[in-house]
């Protein structure tokens, strides 16, 4: 019973961490692309 409760608690927290890390990666990539476009333009 205890393992099931901890899994249910940890999974949403892990999902939030993954979402945040994915967003950070995307924003970093977008910043890089914007900088390159400004240099080219």
N, C-alpha and C. Protein backbone atom coordinates (compact mmCIF):
# COMPACT_ATOMS: atom_id res chain seq x y z
N UNK A 1 0.83 -1.21 0.00
CA UNK A 1 0.00 0.00 0.00
C UNK A 1 0.86 1.25 0.00
N UNK A 2 1.92 1.23 0.76
CA UNK A 2 2.75 2.42 0.85
C UNK A 2 3.43 2.73 -0.49
N UNK A 3 3.87 1.69 -1.18
CA UNK A 3 4.55 1.93 -2.46
C UNK A 3 3.60 2.56 -3.47
N UNK A 4 2.35 2.13 -3.49
CA UNK A 4 1.37 2.70 -4.42
C UNK A 4 1.14 4.18 -4.11
N UNK A 5 1.08 4.53 -2.84
CA UNK A 5 0.86 5.92 -2.48
C UNK A 5 2.04 6.78 -2.89
N UNK A 6 3.25 6.29 -2.68
CA UNK A 6 4.42 7.09 -3.03
C UNK A 6 4.52 7.24 -4.54
N UNK A 7 4.19 6.19 -5.29
CA UNK A 7 4.22 6.30 -6.75
C UNK A 7 3.25 7.35 -7.24
N UNK A 8 2.05 7.37 -6.69
CA UNK A 8 1.05 8.34 -7.11
C UNK A 8 1.50 9.76 -6.79
N UNK A 9 2.19 9.91 -5.69
CA UNK A 9 2.65 11.25 -5.30
C UNK A 9 3.84 11.68 -6.16
N UNK A 10 4.75 10.77 -6.42
CA UNK A 10 5.98 11.12 -7.13
C UNK A 10 5.76 11.35 -8.62
N UNK A 11 4.83 10.65 -9.22
CA UNK A 11 4.63 10.77 -10.66
C UNK A 11 4.22 12.18 -11.08
N UNK A 12 3.23 12.82 -10.44
CA UNK A 12 2.89 14.19 -10.85
C UNK A 12 4.05 15.16 -10.63
N UNK A 13 4.80 14.98 -9.56
CA UNK A 13 5.95 15.86 -9.31
C UNK A 13 6.99 15.68 -10.40
N UNK A 14 7.25 14.45 -10.80
CA UNK A 14 8.22 14.18 -11.85
C UNK A 14 7.76 14.78 -13.17
N UNK A 15 6.46 14.67 -13.43
CA UNK A 15 5.92 15.24 -14.67
C UNK A 15 6.11 16.75 -14.70
N UNK A 16 5.89 17.41 -13.57
CA UNK A 16 6.07 18.86 -13.52
C UNK A 16 7.52 19.23 -13.76
N UNK A 17 8.44 18.48 -13.18
CA UNK A 17 9.86 18.76 -13.38
C UNK A 17 10.23 18.57 -14.84
N UNK A 18 9.73 17.52 -15.45
CA UNK A 18 10.02 17.27 -16.86
C UNK A 18 9.46 18.38 -17.74
N UNK A 19 8.24 18.83 -17.46
CA UNK A 19 7.66 19.91 -18.24
C UNK A 19 8.51 21.17 -18.14
N UNK A 20 8.94 21.49 -16.93
CA UNK A 20 9.76 22.70 -16.73
C UNK A 20 11.08 22.58 -17.48
N UNK A 21 11.73 21.41 -17.40
CA UNK A 21 13.02 21.25 -18.06
C UNK A 21 12.85 21.30 -19.58
N UNK A 22 11.78 20.72 -20.10
CA UNK A 22 11.53 20.77 -21.54
C UNK A 22 11.28 22.20 -21.98
N UNK A 23 10.55 22.97 -21.20
CA UNK A 23 10.30 24.36 -21.56
C UNK A 23 11.59 25.16 -21.56
N UNK A 24 12.46 24.91 -20.59
CA UNK A 24 13.72 25.64 -20.54
C UNK A 24 14.56 25.33 -21.77
N UNK A 25 14.60 24.08 -22.18
CA UNK A 25 15.36 23.69 -23.36
C UNK A 25 14.80 24.39 -24.59
N UNK A 26 13.48 24.40 -24.71
CA UNK A 26 12.86 25.03 -25.87
C UNK A 26 13.13 26.53 -25.90
N UNK A 27 13.06 27.19 -24.77
CA UNK A 27 13.31 28.63 -24.76
C UNK A 27 14.76 28.92 -25.08
N UNK A 28 15.67 28.10 -24.62
CA UNK A 28 17.08 28.29 -24.96
C UNK A 28 17.31 28.12 -26.45
N UNK A 29 16.68 27.11 -27.04
CA UNK A 29 16.82 26.90 -28.48
C UNK A 29 16.21 28.06 -29.25
N UNK A 30 15.06 28.55 -28.82
CA UNK A 30 14.43 29.67 -29.50
C UNK A 30 15.29 30.92 -29.40
N UNK A 31 15.88 31.18 -28.25
CA UNK A 31 16.76 32.33 -28.10
C UNK A 31 17.94 32.22 -29.06
N UNK A 32 18.51 31.03 -29.17
CA UNK A 32 19.63 30.80 -30.07
C UNK A 32 19.23 31.07 -31.51
N UNK A 33 18.06 30.56 -31.90
CA UNK A 33 17.59 30.76 -33.27
C UNK A 33 17.32 32.24 -33.54
N UNK A 34 16.72 32.93 -32.62
CA UNK A 34 16.42 34.36 -32.80
C UNK A 34 17.71 35.15 -32.96
N UNK A 35 18.71 34.84 -32.15
CA UNK A 35 19.98 35.55 -32.25
C UNK A 35 20.62 35.33 -33.62
N UNK A 36 20.56 34.08 -34.12
CA UNK A 36 21.13 33.79 -35.43
C UNK A 36 20.37 34.49 -36.53
N UNK A 37 19.06 34.56 -36.42
CA UNK A 37 18.26 35.24 -37.43
C UNK A 37 18.56 36.73 -37.44
N UNK A 38 18.75 37.31 -36.27
CA UNK A 38 19.06 38.74 -36.21
C UNK A 38 20.43 39.02 -36.84
N UNK A 39 21.38 38.13 -36.64
CA UNK A 39 22.72 38.30 -37.24
C UNK A 39 22.60 38.21 -38.77
N UNK A 40 21.81 37.25 -39.25
CA UNK A 40 21.68 37.07 -40.68
C UNK A 40 20.90 38.22 -41.31
N UNK A 41 19.92 38.73 -40.58
CA UNK A 41 19.05 39.78 -41.12
C UNK A 41 19.72 41.09 -41.02
